[in-house]
Protein backbone atom coordinates (compact mmCIF):
# COMPACT_ATOMS: atom_id res chain seq x y z
CA UNK A 1 -122.65 59.29 12.81
CA UNK A 2 -122.14 57.65 16.22
CA UNK A 3 -118.64 57.38 17.62
CA UNK A 4 -116.97 54.00 17.37
CA UNK A 5 -117.38 52.03 20.57
CA UNK A 6 -114.17 51.77 22.59
CA UNK A 7 -112.69 48.29 22.75
CA UNK A 8 -112.30 46.87 26.26
CA UNK A 9 -108.72 47.32 27.46
CA UNK A 10 -106.65 44.72 29.32
CA UNK A 11 -103.33 45.58 30.97
CA UNK A 12 -100.89 42.69 31.48
CA UNK A 13 -98.15 43.58 33.98
CA UNK A 14 -95.01 41.81 35.26
CA UNK A 15 -91.59 42.67 36.66
CA UNK A 16 -89.72 42.09 33.36
CA UNK A 17 -90.58 42.14 29.68
CA UNK A 18 -88.54 38.93 29.47
CA UNK A 19 -91.25 37.30 31.60
CA UNK A 20 -94.08 38.68 29.46
CA UNK A 21 -92.35 37.58 26.24
CA UNK A 22 -91.55 34.07 27.43
CA UNK A 23 -94.65 33.25 29.48
CA UNK A 24 -97.60 35.49 28.50
CA UNK A 25 -97.40 36.18 24.78
CA UNK A 26 -99.91 33.44 23.99
CA UNK A 27 -102.35 34.98 26.46
CA UNK A 28 -101.91 38.49 25.06
CA UNK A 29 -102.33 37.28 21.49
CA UNK A 30 -105.46 35.34 22.45
CA UNK A 31 -107.00 38.43 24.09
CA UNK A 32 -106.16 40.52 21.02
CA UNK A 33 -107.80 37.95 18.77
CA UNK A 34 -110.92 38.28 20.89
CA UNK A 35 -111.09 41.99 19.99
CA UNK A 36 -109.62 43.43 23.18
CA UNK A 37 -107.01 46.17 23.38
CA UNK A 38 -103.97 44.73 25.16
CA UNK A 39 -101.29 46.79 26.89
CA UNK A 40 -98.12 45.15 28.24
CA UNK A 41 -96.44 46.80 31.24
CA UNK A 42 -92.99 46.15 32.71
CA UNK A 43 -89.66 47.91 33.12
CA UNK A 44 -88.24 48.44 29.63
CA UNK A 45 -85.51 46.05 28.52
CA UNK A 46 -84.44 44.39 25.27
CA UNK A 47 -87.65 42.36 25.03
CA UNK A 48 -89.88 45.44 24.91
CA UNK A 49 -89.16 45.86 21.19
CA UNK A 50 -90.10 42.25 20.51
CA UNK A 51 -93.43 42.72 22.26
CA UNK A 52 -94.15 45.86 20.23
CA UNK A 53 -93.12 44.15 17.00
CA UNK A 54 -95.63 41.40 17.84
CA UNK A 55 -98.36 44.07 17.76
CA UNK A 56 -98.78 44.56 21.51
CA UNK A 57 -98.69 48.09 22.90
CA UNK A 58 -95.94 48.44 25.51
CA UNK A 59 -95.77 50.92 28.40
CA UNK A 60 -92.66 51.08 30.57
CA UNK A 61 -92.98 51.30 34.36
CA UNK A 62 -90.43 52.36 37.02
CA UNK A 63 -89.99 49.14 38.98
CA UNK A 64 -86.82 48.03 40.76
CA UNK A 65 -86.96 44.31 41.52
CA UNK A 66 -84.32 44.70 44.24
CA UNK A 67 -85.58 48.00 45.62
CA UNK A 68 -86.30 48.24 49.35
CA UNK A 69 -86.57 52.01 49.72
CA UNK A 70 -90.13 52.69 50.86
CA UNK A 71 -90.25 56.12 49.21
CA UNK A 72 -89.08 54.77 45.86
CA UNK A 73 -91.46 51.81 46.08
CA UNK A 74 -94.29 54.18 46.95
CA UNK A 75 -93.52 56.26 43.88
CA UNK A 76 -93.96 53.14 41.76
CA UNK A 77 -97.49 52.69 43.10
CA UNK A 78 -98.24 56.38 42.44
CA UNK A 79 -96.98 56.07 38.88
CA UNK A 80 -99.11 52.98 38.31
CA UNK A 81 -102.13 54.94 39.52
CA UNK A 82 -101.31 57.67 37.00
CA UNK A 83 -100.93 55.21 34.15
CA UNK A 84 -104.10 53.33 35.02
CA UNK A 85 -106.09 56.57 35.12
CA UNK A 86 -104.66 57.51 31.72
CA UNK A 87 -105.24 54.11 30.08
CA UNK A 88 -108.56 53.37 31.82
CA UNK A 89 -108.24 49.57 31.54
CA UNK A 90 -111.30 47.42 32.12
CA UNK A 91 -109.17 44.81 33.90
CA UNK A 92 -105.53 44.32 34.92
CA UNK A 93 -103.83 40.91 34.83
CA UNK A 94 -100.79 40.87 37.12
CA UNK A 95 -97.83 38.49 37.51
CA UNK A 96 -94.67 38.25 39.65
CA UNK A 97 -94.41 39.46 43.26
CA UNK A 98 -94.04 43.25 43.17
CA UNK A 99 -96.53 43.86 40.34
CA UNK A 100 -99.01 41.58 42.13
CA UNK A 101 -98.81 43.86 45.17
CA UNK A 102 -98.26 47.29 43.62
CA UNK A 103 -100.70 46.91 40.72
CA UNK A 104 -103.35 45.64 43.15
CA UNK A 105 -102.89 48.67 45.41
CA UNK A 106 -103.07 51.00 42.40
CA UNK A 107 -106.15 49.23 41.05
CA UNK A 108 -107.81 49.54 44.43
CA UNK A 109 -107.17 53.30 44.43
CA UNK A 110 -108.46 53.61 40.84
CA UNK A 111 -111.39 51.16 41.30
CA UNK A 112 -110.18 48.92 38.49
CA UNK A 113 -110.73 45.12 38.62
CA UNK A 114 -107.56 43.04 38.86
CA UNK A 115 -106.79 39.34 38.44
CA UNK A 116 -103.57 38.15 40.09
CA UNK A 117 -101.41 35.13 39.38
CA UNK A 118 -99.10 33.77 42.09
CA UNK A 119 -96.39 31.85 40.26
CA UNK A 120 -94.45 30.71 43.29
CA UNK A 121 -93.95 32.64 46.50
CA UNK A 122 -90.62 34.19 45.57
CA UNK A 123 -87.58 35.20 47.58
CA UNK A 124 -89.54 36.78 50.45
CA UNK A 125 -91.30 33.53 51.33
CA UNK A 126 -88.34 31.21 50.77
CA UNK A 127 -86.19 33.35 53.09
CA UNK A 128 -88.26 33.50 56.29
CA UNK A 129 -88.01 36.49 58.61
CA UNK A 130 -89.04 40.15 58.71
CA UNK A 131 -89.21 40.31 54.92
CA UNK A 132 -91.79 37.51 54.89
CA UNK A 133 -93.90 39.31 57.50
CA UNK A 134 -93.83 42.51 55.46
CA UNK A 135 -94.68 40.63 52.25
CA UNK A 136 -97.59 38.87 53.97
CA UNK A 137 -99.00 42.20 55.20
CA UNK A 138 -98.68 43.79 51.75
CA UNK A 139 -100.21 40.80 49.96
CA UNK A 140 -103.15 40.82 52.36
CA UNK A 141 -103.79 44.53 51.78
CA UNK A 142 -103.36 44.22 48.02
CA UNK A 143 -105.38 41.07 47.37
CA UNK A 144 -108.39 42.40 49.29
CA UNK A 145 -109.36 44.08 45.99
CA UNK A 146 -108.74 41.13 43.67
CA UNK A 147 -111.52 39.66 41.56
CA UNK A 148 -109.62 36.39 41.22
CA UNK A 149 -106.25 35.06 42.37
CA UNK A 150 -104.81 32.19 40.35
CA UNK A 151 -102.20 29.91 41.89
CA UNK A 152 -99.97 27.46 40.10
CA UNK A 153 -99.95 24.83 42.82
CA UNK A 154 -102.13 23.86 45.77
CA UNK A 155 -99.35 24.36 48.34
CA UNK A 156 -99.15 28.10 47.65
CA UNK A 157 -102.94 28.38 47.44
CA UNK A 158 -103.32 26.78 50.87
CA UNK A 159 -100.72 29.08 52.44
CA UNK A 160 -102.45 32.22 51.17
CA UNK A 161 -105.88 31.03 52.26
CA UNK A 162 -104.70 29.87 55.69
CA UNK A 163 -102.91 33.18 56.33
CA UNK A 164 -106.05 35.08 55.37
CA UNK A 165 -104.36 36.74 52.40
CA UNK A 166 -106.97 35.51 49.91
CA UNK A 167 -110.62 34.64 50.42
CA UNK A 168 -111.17 30.95 49.60
CA UNK A 169 -113.82 31.60 46.95
CA UNK A 170 -111.44 33.86 45.01
CA UNK A 171 -108.52 31.40 44.95
CA UNK A 172 -108.15 28.94 42.08
CA UNK A 173 -105.38 26.65 40.88
CA UNK A 174 -104.20 26.64 37.28
CA UNK A 175 -101.71 24.16 35.79
CA UNK A 176 -98.87 26.68 35.80
CA UNK A 177 -98.63 28.82 32.68
CA UNK A 178 -99.30 25.69 30.63
CA UNK A 179 -97.24 24.25 27.80
CA UNK A 180 -97.81 24.38 24.05
CA UNK A 181 -97.70 20.65 23.31
CA UNK A 182 -97.89 21.34 19.56
CA UNK A 183 -94.66 23.32 19.73
CA UNK A 184 -92.74 21.17 22.22
CA UNK A 185 -92.88 17.76 20.60
CA UNK A 186 -90.71 14.63 21.06
CA UNK A 187 -87.53 14.49 19.01
CA UNK A 188 -85.31 11.38 18.96
CA UNK A 189 -81.99 11.82 20.75
CA UNK A 190 -79.25 12.20 18.14
CA UNK A 191 -75.87 10.54 18.31
CA UNK A 192 -75.77 6.84 19.12
CA UNK A 193 -73.15 6.10 21.75
CA UNK A 194 -72.84 9.75 22.77
CA UNK A 195 -72.24 10.54 26.46
CA UNK A 196 -75.34 10.69 28.67
CA UNK A 197 -76.41 14.33 29.12
CA UNK A 198 -78.13 15.85 32.15
CA UNK A 199 -79.46 19.37 31.56
CA UNK A 200 -80.61 21.99 34.07
CA UNK A 201 -82.44 24.90 32.43
CA UNK A 202 -83.28 27.84 34.72
CA UNK A 203 -82.25 31.30 35.78
CA UNK A 204 -78.96 30.92 37.61
CA UNK A 205 -80.19 31.26 41.19
CA UNK A 206 -79.15 29.30 44.27
CA UNK A 207 -82.88 28.77 44.98
CA UNK A 208 -83.15 26.75 41.76
CA UNK A 209 -80.94 24.10 43.38
CA UNK A 210 -77.99 24.81 41.12
CA UNK A 211 -75.50 24.42 43.94
CA UNK A 212 -76.91 20.96 44.67
CA UNK A 213 -76.82 20.13 40.95
CA UNK A 214 -73.11 20.97 40.76
CA UNK A 215 -72.33 19.02 43.92
CA UNK A 216 -74.31 16.02 42.67
CA UNK A 217 -72.51 16.25 39.33
CA UNK A 218 -69.17 15.95 41.12
CA UNK A 219 -70.40 12.85 42.91
CA UNK A 220 -71.78 11.14 39.80
CA UNK A 221 -68.73 12.00 37.70
CA UNK A 222 -66.47 10.34 40.30
CA UNK A 223 -67.90 6.97 39.19
CA UNK A 224 -69.26 7.79 35.72
CA UNK A 225 -66.70 10.07 34.10
CA UNK A 226 -68.39 10.10 30.67
CA UNK A 227 -71.61 11.71 31.91
CA UNK A 228 -72.08 15.36 30.86
CA UNK A 229 -73.77 17.99 33.04
CA UNK A 230 -75.03 21.14 31.33
CA UNK A 231 -76.42 24.45 32.57
CA UNK A 232 -78.67 26.62 30.40
CA UNK A 233 -80.09 29.94 31.51
CA UNK A 234 -79.29 33.60 32.19
CA UNK A 235 -77.42 35.11 35.08
CA UNK A 236 -79.88 37.21 37.10
CA UNK A 237 -78.03 39.97 38.94
CA UNK A 238 -81.32 41.59 39.94
CA UNK A 239 -82.22 38.68 42.22
CA UNK A 240 -80.87 38.43 45.79
CA UNK A 241 -80.31 34.69 45.25
CA UNK A 242 -78.27 35.19 42.07
CA UNK A 243 -75.20 33.07 41.34
CA UNK A 244 -72.27 35.29 40.40
CA UNK A 245 -70.48 35.12 37.08
CA UNK A 246 -67.28 34.43 39.04
CA UNK A 247 -68.80 31.37 40.71
CA UNK A 248 -70.15 30.07 37.41
CA UNK A 249 -66.75 30.44 35.76
CA UNK A 250 -65.11 28.50 38.60
CA UNK A 251 -67.46 25.58 37.97
CA UNK A 252 -66.78 25.67 34.24
CA UNK A 253 -63.02 25.85 34.79
CA UNK A 254 -63.27 22.88 37.16
CA UNK A 255 -64.93 20.91 34.36
CA UNK A 256 -67.88 19.79 36.47
CA UNK A 257 -70.47 21.52 34.25
CA UNK A 258 -70.77 22.96 30.76
CA UNK A 259 -72.45 26.38 30.56
CA UNK A 260 -74.50 26.90 27.41
CA UNK A 261 -75.45 30.54 28.00
CA UNK A 262 -79.04 31.73 27.68
CA UNK A 263 -81.51 31.34 24.84
CA UNK A 264 -85.06 32.12 23.76
CA UNK A 265 -85.31 28.73 22.04
CA UNK A 266 -84.87 25.93 24.56
CA UNK A 267 -86.26 23.08 22.45
CA UNK A 268 -82.98 22.24 20.63
CA UNK A 269 -81.19 22.00 23.97
CA UNK A 270 -83.85 19.72 25.43
CA UNK A 271 -83.59 17.59 22.28
CA UNK A 272 -79.88 17.14 22.97
CA UNK A 273 -80.40 15.98 26.56
CA UNK A 274 -81.19 12.53 27.97
CA UNK A 275 -82.67 13.82 31.23
CA UNK A 276 -83.75 17.29 32.39
CA UNK A 277 -83.14 18.22 36.03
CA UNK A 278 -84.55 20.96 38.29
CA UNK A 279 -83.86 20.52 42.04
CA UNK A 280 -85.52 23.84 42.95
CA UNK A 281 -86.43 24.86 46.51
CA UNK A 282 -89.88 26.09 45.50
CA UNK A 283 -91.74 26.92 42.28
CA UNK A 284 -95.15 27.87 40.98
CA UNK A 285 -95.09 25.20 38.30
CA UNK A 286 -91.76 25.28 36.45
CA UNK A 287 -92.24 25.85 32.72
CA UNK A 288 -88.88 24.24 31.98
CA UNK A 289 -90.13 20.89 33.31
CA UNK A 290 -93.41 21.19 31.40
CA UNK A 291 -91.62 21.85 28.12
CA UNK A 292 -89.08 19.09 28.66
CA UNK A 293 -91.78 16.57 29.56
CA UNK A 294 -93.82 17.63 26.53
CA UNK A 295 -90.76 16.72 24.44
CA UNK A 296 -90.71 13.26 26.01
CA UNK A 297 -87.74 13.74 28.32
CA UNK A 298 -87.57 11.94 31.67
CA UNK A 299 -87.23 14.38 34.57
CA UNK A 300 -85.55 14.63 37.95
CA UNK A 301 -86.90 17.28 40.29
CA UNK A 302 -87.19 18.04 43.98
CA UNK A 303 -90.04 17.20 46.34
CA UNK A 304 -90.89 20.91 46.53
CA UNK A 305 -94.15 22.77 45.93
CA UNK A 306 -94.76 23.16 42.20
CA UNK A 307 -92.03 20.71 41.22
CA UNK A 308 -93.69 17.60 42.61
CA UNK A 309 -96.89 18.54 40.75
CA UNK A 310 -95.15 17.80 37.45
CA UNK A 311 -93.37 14.50 38.12
CA UNK A 312 -94.79 11.15 39.19
CA UNK A 313 -91.89 9.43 40.92
CA UNK A 314 -90.92 6.22 39.17
CA UNK A 315 -93.39 6.82 36.34
CA UNK A 316 -92.57 10.07 34.53
CA UNK A 317 -89.29 10.75 36.30
CA UNK A 318 -87.63 10.75 39.71
CA UNK A 319 -88.02 12.99 42.75
CA UNK A 320 -85.24 13.90 45.21
CA UNK A 321 -85.30 15.55 48.62
CA UNK A 322 -85.11 19.35 48.68
CA UNK A 323 -81.65 20.89 49.26
CA UNK A 324 -80.09 17.42 49.27
CA UNK A 325 -77.22 16.97 46.80
CA UNK A 326 -76.58 13.43 48.00
CA UNK A 327 -80.12 12.31 47.23
CA UNK A 328 -80.04 14.16 43.92
CA UNK A 329 -76.88 12.23 42.98
CA UNK A 330 -78.62 9.02 44.02
CA UNK A 331 -81.55 9.75 41.67
CA UNK A 332 -79.17 10.65 38.86
CA UNK A 333 -77.38 7.33 39.27
CA UNK A 334 -80.74 5.57 39.22
CA UNK A 335 -81.63 7.36 35.98
CA UNK A 336 -78.37 6.13 34.46
CA UNK A 337 -78.91 2.56 35.65
CA UNK A 338 -82.52 1.95 34.55
CA UNK A 339 -81.69 1.80 30.85
CA UNK A 340 -82.82 3.49 27.65
CA UNK A 341 -86.13 1.65 27.29
CA UNK A 342 -87.39 2.59 30.75
CA UNK A 343 -86.27 6.18 30.26
CA UNK A 344 -88.14 6.23 26.96
CA UNK A 345 -91.30 5.01 28.67
CA UNK A 346 -90.93 7.70 31.31
CA UNK A 347 -90.80 10.22 28.49
CA UNK A 348 -93.91 8.77 26.84
CA UNK A 349 -95.91 8.94 30.06
CA UNK A 350 -94.54 12.38 30.88
CA UNK A 351 -95.74 13.76 27.57
CA UNK A 352 -99.11 12.15 28.13
CA UNK A 353 -99.35 13.91 31.49
CA UNK A 354 -98.62 17.24 29.79
CA UNK A 355 -101.26 16.81 27.10
CA UNK A 356 -103.91 15.79 29.62
CA UNK A 357 -103.15 18.02 32.62
CA UNK A 358 -100.84 20.90 31.68
CA UNK A 359 -101.85 22.02 28.20
CA UNK A 360 -101.62 25.78 27.64
CA UNK A 361 -105.16 25.63 26.25
CA UNK A 362 -106.55 25.00 29.74
CA UNK A 363 -104.89 28.17 31.05
CA UNK A 364 -105.95 30.34 28.11
CA UNK A 365 -109.55 29.19 28.27
CA UNK A 366 -109.76 29.90 32.00
CA UNK A 367 -108.40 33.42 31.54
CA UNK A 368 -110.76 33.95 28.63
CA UNK A 369 -113.74 33.10 30.80
CA UNK A 370 -112.66 35.27 33.75
CA UNK A 371 -111.88 38.29 31.57
CA UNK A 372 -115.18 37.85 29.73
CA UNK A 373 -117.05 37.92 33.02
CA UNK A 374 -115.35 41.15 34.07
CA UNK A 375 -115.58 43.10 30.81
CA UNK A 376 -119.07 41.82 30.01
CA UNK A 377 -118.32 40.25 26.63
CA UNK A 378 -118.90 36.76 25.25
CA UNK A 379 -115.34 35.55 24.74
CA UNK A 380 -115.88 31.82 24.98
CA UNK A 381 -116.13 29.14 27.64
CA UNK A 382 -113.48 27.53 29.80
CA UNK A 383 -113.30 23.74 30.04
CA UNK A 384 -115.16 22.43 33.08
CA UNK A 385 -113.47 20.47 35.82
CA UNK A 386 -115.57 17.50 34.78
CA UNK A 387 -114.25 17.61 31.22
CA UNK A 388 -110.66 17.74 32.47
CA UNK A 389 -111.27 14.74 34.71
CA UNK A 390 -112.94 12.90 31.84
CA UNK A 391 -109.86 13.48 29.70
CA UNK A 392 -107.58 12.20 32.44
CA UNK A 393 -109.75 9.12 32.87
CA UNK A 394 -109.50 8.31 29.17
CA UNK A 395 -105.72 8.59 28.97
CA UNK A 396 -105.00 4.86 28.79
CA UNK A 397 -106.91 4.58 25.53
CA UNK A 398 -104.91 7.37 23.92
CA UNK A 399 -101.32 6.54 24.78
CA UNK A 400 -100.56 5.73 21.16
CA UNK A 401 -101.38 9.30 20.14
CA UNK A 402 -98.51 10.77 22.15
CA UNK A 403 -95.72 8.21 21.74
CA UNK A 404 -92.24 9.46 21.05
CA UNK A 405 -90.79 8.91 17.58
CA UNK A 406 -88.99 5.58 17.77
CA UNK A 407 -85.62 4.30 16.85
CA UNK A 408 -85.68 1.07 14.93
CA UNK A 409 -84.28 -0.89 17.84
CA UNK A 410 -86.98 0.30 20.28
CA UNK A 411 -89.23 -2.44 21.61
CA UNK A 412 -92.97 -2.27 22.27
CA UNK A 413 -94.26 0.14 24.90
CA UNK A 414 -94.36 -1.58 28.31
CA UNK A 415 -97.18 -1.09 30.77
CA UNK A 416 -97.41 2.07 32.88
CA UNK A 417 -95.37 2.16 36.06
CA UNK A 418 -91.70 2.08 35.17
CA UNK A 419 -90.27 1.91 38.65
CA UNK A 420 -93.09 1.01 41.01
CA UNK A 421 -90.66 -0.11 43.64
CA UNK A 422 -88.88 3.25 43.99
């Protein structure tokens, strides 16, 4: 009797299991359903058990997100080489800065194909200096072995190509990590006459624009005392740009913001907000904005790479200048002044944009095609660029399919272009 043929193996690696659980479970499940063996890799934390309970094999790796000791960082690469030689994956899919670099170097040493995903440039590129030069050198050395490098916005793609980090034919833009528009659906805002609620949902980092959000909240509350400003998301002590628990408590004690803690289920919090805000300095494509827009919420974000990809100013939300609390406050006041009907239309058109341009299905199908090409199996086809454009061109005829549930007093849907003059 012949031995059973080994299933192709795919390793999916990131700097936290929290990231894999929140952003890549759909991908790992899809690959499993296609008959592939899937191994998740990250430093072990509380989410490792959840991944294993979902039927995904988990392997812990020694990775310090804040580490700068060259010997310790080198040992991480050596350990990845050992694990890759033991697991013998057919392809590695990498995410987040250090795994993108270290897994690529290990794959190069082991002659294993790797597909990278650059979801924003991270701390090293936001904070210019020696660290950026070192990161650029390491990325260039690492990505020389890549079979494909996905980017979440064209700004980051252009930077990597112009710096010679990635060959142009290997670089491709994806619409972020995509959003499950069947899970994040519009829900009518509860509580007639309740205070207007702004919500910022993100890791608590200065680079997410949280300082500007708090400052803008002070300004808006000076003239609109009934407006509520909420923060949702975890403290992130492992990040150099982390906001301290002490600073957060000072804001709460001041009464300028309400802190809701962190959660794995953001939809109920989005449902309780009138507008979702993210004035970040730079993103890949922020999932929080995709999910909020998919639920029909108007958005305010910054004119930063990744953020401006999601919002059409005056149509699906408003855009403020980067690192500018005064302009953020101005956009918040505009959002308050335009009225419920125009905000509702922004939400309708925002959800339409998600279904047409940012659906998770687009991302999964593209990964399916790339992995199939590497492992030599027929796993399905990705949607062509032409089909995506055709969908976008037909959006006007399908607006009714994505309308928010209505309150009885809502009027008919006005034409597209809520605030053309802004």
